[in-house]
């Protein structure tokens, strides 16, 4: 996927006297879009060898991951489980809280 505005910003930074800069409104719109994409709900997965069901999937934002992990860890303390958010492993301590 190409992003014409991002290409224009990069070109302007490399040769500011050649390219017209993007407007502040365009840059603000781009920032709003990036912030919105960062806050979209993503998959939080708890995969446990000991619990039933073995896999629990929640769609949430990054800001909520810690609270959900604390809740899950309090109910499944001692179980062998892994946590991933958006396909990436989330390290946890012995209580199931994120490190």
N, C-alpha and C. Protein backbone atom coordinates (compact mmCIF):
# COMPACT_ATOMS: atom_id res chain seq x y z
N UNK A 1 0.83 -1.17 0.00
CA UNK A 1 0.00 0.00 0.00
C UNK A 1 0.89 1.24 0.00
N UNK A 2 0.59 2.16 -0.88
CA UNK A 2 1.38 3.38 -0.94
C UNK A 2 0.61 4.49 -0.24
N UNK A 3 1.34 5.40 0.30
CA UNK A 3 0.76 6.54 0.99
C UNK A 3 1.37 7.79 0.38
N UNK A 4 0.63 8.44 -0.50
CA UNK A 4 1.16 9.58 -1.24
C UNK A 4 1.56 10.72 -0.32
N UNK A 5 0.79 10.95 0.73
CA UNK A 5 1.13 12.03 1.65
C UNK A 5 2.44 11.72 2.38
N UNK A 6 2.62 10.47 2.82
CA UNK A 6 3.84 10.10 3.51
C UNK A 6 5.04 10.23 2.56
N UNK A 7 4.87 9.82 1.31
CA UNK A 7 5.95 9.96 0.32
C UNK A 7 6.30 11.44 0.13
N UNK A 8 5.28 12.28 0.11
CA UNK A 8 5.52 13.71 -0.08
C UNK A 8 6.25 14.32 1.12
N UNK A 9 5.88 13.88 2.32
CA UNK A 9 6.55 14.38 3.53
C UNK A 9 8.03 13.97 3.50
N UNK A 10 8.30 12.71 3.15
CA UNK A 10 9.69 12.24 3.08
C UNK A 10 10.48 13.00 2.02
N UNK A 11 9.86 13.23 0.85
CA UNK A 11 10.54 13.96 -0.22
C UNK A 11 10.82 15.39 0.21
N UNK A 12 9.87 16.02 0.87
CA UNK A 12 10.06 17.39 1.33
C UNK A 12 11.19 17.48 2.35
N UNK A 13 11.29 16.49 3.23
CA UNK A 13 12.36 16.51 4.23
C UNK A 13 13.73 16.34 3.58
N UNK A 14 13.79 15.59 2.50
CA UNK A 14 15.09 15.37 1.86
C UNK A 14 15.49 16.54 0.95
N UNK A 15 14.52 17.25 0.40
CA UNK A 15 14.81 18.39 -0.48
C UNK A 15 13.73 19.46 -0.29
N UNK A 16 13.77 20.20 0.82
CA UNK A 16 12.68 21.13 1.14
C UNK A 16 12.48 22.25 0.13
N UNK A 17 13.50 22.60 -0.61
CA UNK A 17 13.35 23.71 -1.55
C UNK A 17 12.72 23.27 -2.88
N UNK A 18 12.56 21.97 -3.10
CA UNK A 18 12.03 21.47 -4.36
C UNK A 18 10.54 21.16 -4.27
N UNK A 19 10.09 20.67 -3.13
CA UNK A 19 8.72 20.19 -2.99
C UNK A 19 7.89 21.13 -2.12
N UNK A 20 6.64 21.28 -2.50
CA UNK A 20 5.70 22.01 -1.65
C UNK A 20 5.38 21.12 -0.44
N UNK A 21 5.41 21.69 0.75
CA UNK A 21 5.12 20.88 1.92
C UNK A 21 3.64 20.51 1.98
N UNK A 22 3.31 19.43 2.63
CA UNK A 22 1.89 19.14 2.84
C UNK A 22 1.33 20.20 3.80
N UNK A 23 0.05 20.44 3.70
CA UNK A 23 -0.56 21.44 4.57
C UNK A 23 -0.66 20.89 5.99
N UNK A 24 -0.84 21.78 6.94
CA UNK A 24 -1.01 21.35 8.32
C UNK A 24 -2.26 20.48 8.46
N UNK A 25 -3.31 20.80 7.72
CA UNK A 25 -4.53 19.99 7.77
C UNK A 25 -4.25 18.57 7.27
N UNK A 26 -3.47 18.46 6.20
CA UNK A 26 -3.13 17.13 5.69
C UNK A 26 -2.31 16.35 6.71
N UNK A 27 -1.35 17.02 7.34
CA UNK A 27 -0.53 16.34 8.34
C UNK A 27 -1.38 15.94 9.55
N UNK A 28 -2.29 16.81 9.97
CA UNK A 28 -3.17 16.49 11.11
C UNK A 28 -4.07 15.32 10.78
N UNK A 29 -4.59 15.29 9.55
CA UNK A 29 -5.43 14.16 9.14
C UNK A 29 -4.64 12.86 9.15
N UNK A 30 -3.40 12.92 8.70
CA UNK A 30 -2.53 11.74 8.68
C UNK A 30 -2.25 11.26 10.10
N UNK A 31 -1.98 12.17 11.01
CA UNK A 31 -1.73 11.81 12.41
C UNK A 31 -2.99 11.18 13.02
N UNK A 32 -4.16 11.78 12.75
CA UNK A 32 -5.41 11.21 13.26
C UNK A 32 -5.62 9.79 12.75
N UNK A 33 -5.33 9.56 11.49
CA UNK A 33 -5.48 8.22 10.91
C UNK A 33 -4.55 7.22 11.58
N UNK A 34 -3.28 7.60 11.78
CA UNK A 34 -2.33 6.71 12.43
C UNK A 34 -2.74 6.40 13.87
N UNK A 35 -3.24 7.41 14.58
CA UNK A 35 -3.69 7.18 15.95
C UNK A 35 -4.90 6.26 15.97
N UNK A 36 -5.81 6.43 15.04
CA UNK A 36 -6.99 5.57 14.96
C UNK A 36 -6.58 4.12 14.68
N UNK A 37 -5.66 3.93 13.74
CA UNK A 37 -5.21 2.58 13.42
C UNK A 37 -4.51 1.93 14.61
N UNK A 38 -3.79 2.71 15.39
CA UNK A 38 -3.09 2.16 16.56
C UNK A 38 -4.07 1.73 17.64
N UNK A 39 -5.23 2.36 17.69
CA UNK A 39 -6.20 2.05 18.74
C UNK A 39 -7.28 1.06 18.31
N UNK A 40 -7.17 0.51 17.12
CA UNK A 40 -8.14 -0.48 16.70
C UNK A 40 -8.01 -1.73 17.55
N UNK A 41 -9.13 -2.38 17.79
CA UNK A 41 -9.12 -3.61 18.57
C UNK A 41 -8.35 -4.69 17.82
N UNK A 42 -7.49 -5.37 18.56
CA UNK A 42 -6.70 -6.46 18.01
C UNK A 42 -6.92 -7.69 18.88
N UNK A 43 -6.42 -8.82 18.42
CA UNK A 43 -6.67 -10.10 19.08
C UNK A 43 -5.73 -10.32 20.27
N UNK A 44 -6.32 -10.53 21.45
CA UNK A 44 -5.59 -10.92 22.64
C UNK A 44 -5.95 -12.38 22.88
N UNK A 45 -4.92 -13.25 22.88
CA UNK A 45 -5.17 -14.69 22.96
C UNK A 45 -4.51 -15.27 24.20
N UNK A 46 -5.28 -15.99 24.98
CA UNK A 46 -4.78 -16.77 26.10
C UNK A 46 -4.86 -18.23 25.68
N UNK A 47 -3.72 -18.90 25.62
CA UNK A 47 -3.67 -20.32 25.25
C UNK A 47 -3.17 -21.10 26.46
N UNK A 48 -4.06 -21.94 27.03
CA UNK A 48 -3.75 -22.65 28.26
C UNK A 48 -3.78 -24.15 28.06
N UNK A 49 -2.83 -24.83 28.67
CA UNK A 49 -2.82 -26.29 28.63
C UNK A 49 -3.72 -26.86 29.73
N UNK A 50 -4.02 -26.04 30.76
CA UNK A 50 -4.74 -26.54 31.92
C UNK A 50 -6.20 -26.11 32.00
N UNK A 51 -6.55 -24.98 31.39
CA UNK A 51 -7.90 -24.44 31.52
C UNK A 51 -8.84 -25.00 30.45
N UNK A 52 -10.12 -24.80 30.69
CA UNK A 52 -11.13 -25.13 29.70
C UNK A 52 -11.97 -23.88 29.50
N UNK A 53 -12.09 -23.36 28.33
CA UNK A 53 -11.52 -23.82 27.07
C UNK A 53 -10.01 -23.57 27.00
N UNK A 54 -9.36 -24.28 26.11
CA UNK A 54 -7.90 -24.19 25.99
C UNK A 54 -7.43 -22.85 25.41
N UNK A 55 -8.30 -22.22 24.64
CA UNK A 55 -7.92 -20.96 23.99
C UNK A 55 -9.05 -19.95 24.20
N UNK A 56 -8.68 -18.76 24.64
CA UNK A 56 -9.65 -17.68 24.82
C UNK A 56 -9.17 -16.49 24.00
N UNK A 57 -10.03 -15.97 23.16
CA UNK A 57 -9.70 -14.84 22.29
C UNK A 57 -10.58 -13.65 22.65
N UNK A 58 -9.95 -12.50 22.85
CA UNK A 58 -10.65 -11.26 23.15
C UNK A 58 -10.14 -10.21 22.16
N UNK A 59 -11.04 -9.42 21.62
CA UNK A 59 -10.63 -8.31 20.77
C UNK A 59 -10.62 -7.06 21.63
N UNK A 60 -9.46 -6.44 21.74
CA UNK A 60 -9.29 -5.28 22.62
C UNK A 60 -8.19 -4.38 22.09
N UNK A 61 -8.02 -3.24 22.75
CA UNK A 61 -6.95 -2.31 22.39
C UNK A 61 -5.75 -2.55 23.30
N UNK A 62 -4.62 -2.03 22.91
CA UNK A 62 -3.37 -2.22 23.66
C UNK A 62 -3.49 -1.71 25.10
N UNK A 63 -4.22 -0.61 25.27
CA UNK A 63 -4.35 -0.01 26.61
C UNK A 63 -5.05 -0.93 27.60
N UNK A 64 -5.87 -1.85 27.14
CA UNK A 64 -6.64 -2.73 28.03
C UNK A 64 -5.96 -4.06 28.32
N UNK A 65 -4.88 -4.37 27.62
CA UNK A 65 -4.23 -5.68 27.75
C UNK A 65 -3.81 -5.96 29.19
N UNK A 66 -3.19 -5.00 29.84
CA UNK A 66 -2.68 -5.22 31.20
C UNK A 66 -3.82 -5.60 32.17
N UNK A 67 -4.92 -4.86 32.14
CA UNK A 67 -6.03 -5.15 33.04
C UNK A 67 -6.64 -6.53 32.78
N UNK A 68 -6.75 -6.90 31.52
CA UNK A 68 -7.32 -8.21 31.18
C UNK A 68 -6.37 -9.31 31.63
N UNK A 69 -5.07 -9.10 31.45
CA UNK A 69 -4.10 -10.12 31.90
C UNK A 69 -4.14 -10.29 33.41
N UNK A 70 -4.28 -9.20 34.15
CA UNK A 70 -4.37 -9.28 35.62
C UNK A 70 -5.59 -10.11 36.01
N UNK A 71 -6.73 -9.85 35.37
CA UNK A 71 -7.96 -10.58 35.67
C UNK A 71 -7.80 -12.06 35.33
N UNK A 72 -7.28 -12.36 34.15
CA UNK A 72 -7.11 -13.75 33.74
C UNK A 72 -6.12 -14.45 34.68
N UNK A 73 -5.01 -13.80 34.99
CA UNK A 73 -4.01 -14.38 35.88
C UNK A 73 -4.55 -14.67 37.26
N UNK A 74 -5.46 -13.83 37.75
CA UNK A 74 -6.01 -14.06 39.09
C UNK A 74 -6.91 -15.29 39.12
N UNK A 75 -7.50 -15.63 38.01
CA UNK A 75 -8.38 -16.80 37.95
C UNK A 75 -7.66 -18.07 37.52
N UNK A 76 -6.52 -17.93 36.90
CA UNK A 76 -5.80 -19.09 36.37
C UNK A 76 -4.37 -19.16 36.90
N UNK A 77 -4.17 -18.67 38.11
CA UNK A 77 -2.84 -18.71 38.73
C UNK A 77 -2.36 -20.17 38.81
N UNK A 78 -1.13 -20.40 38.43
CA UNK A 78 -0.56 -21.74 38.45
C UNK A 78 -0.75 -22.53 37.17
N UNK A 79 -1.67 -22.08 36.32
CA UNK A 79 -1.87 -22.77 35.04
C UNK A 79 -0.72 -22.45 34.09
N UNK A 80 -0.50 -23.34 33.16
CA UNK A 80 0.52 -23.11 32.13
C UNK A 80 -0.18 -22.50 30.92
N UNK A 81 0.06 -21.22 30.69
CA UNK A 81 -0.57 -20.56 29.55
C UNK A 81 0.34 -19.49 28.98
N UNK A 82 0.07 -19.16 27.73
CA UNK A 82 0.79 -18.08 27.05
C UNK A 82 -0.21 -17.01 26.66
N UNK A 83 0.32 -15.81 26.45
CA UNK A 83 -0.51 -14.67 26.06
C UNK A 83 0.11 -14.03 24.83
N UNK A 84 -0.71 -13.78 23.82
CA UNK A 84 -0.24 -13.05 22.64
C UNK A 84 -1.21 -11.91 22.36
N UNK A 85 -0.67 -10.79 21.90
CA UNK A 85 -1.49 -9.66 21.49
C UNK A 85 -1.04 -9.26 20.10
N UNK A 86 -1.98 -9.26 19.19
CA UNK A 86 -1.71 -8.92 17.79
C UNK A 86 -0.61 -9.81 17.23
N UNK A 87 -0.63 -11.10 17.64
CA UNK A 87 0.32 -12.07 17.12
C UNK A 87 1.68 -12.05 17.78
N UNK A 88 1.88 -11.20 18.78
CA UNK A 88 3.18 -11.11 19.46
C UNK A 88 3.05 -11.60 20.89
N UNK A 89 4.05 -12.34 21.34
CA UNK A 89 4.06 -12.86 22.70
C UNK A 89 4.11 -11.71 23.70
N UNK A 90 3.31 -11.82 24.77
CA UNK A 90 3.33 -10.84 25.85
C UNK A 90 3.97 -11.51 27.06
N UNK A 91 5.17 -11.09 27.48
CA UNK A 91 5.80 -11.71 28.65
C UNK A 91 4.99 -11.42 29.91
N UNK A 92 4.93 -12.42 30.80
CA UNK A 92 4.18 -12.26 32.03
C UNK A 92 5.02 -12.73 33.21
N UNK A 93 4.68 -12.23 34.39
CA UNK A 93 5.40 -12.66 35.59
C UNK A 93 4.73 -13.90 36.17
N UNK A 94 5.15 -14.35 37.35
CA UNK A 94 4.64 -15.57 37.95
C UNK A 94 3.17 -15.46 38.36
N UNK A 95 2.64 -14.24 38.46
CA UNK A 95 1.23 -14.03 38.78
C UNK A 95 0.35 -13.89 37.54
N UNK A 96 0.97 -13.87 36.37
CA UNK A 96 0.24 -13.68 35.14
C UNK A 96 0.09 -12.23 34.74
N UNK A 97 0.77 -11.35 35.46
CA UNK A 97 0.74 -9.93 35.13
C UNK A 97 1.78 -9.64 34.07
N UNK A 98 1.54 -8.70 33.18
CA UNK A 98 2.55 -8.38 32.16
C UNK A 98 3.81 -7.81 32.79
N UNK A 99 4.95 -8.19 32.21
CA UNK A 99 6.25 -7.68 32.70
C UNK A 99 6.53 -6.33 32.10
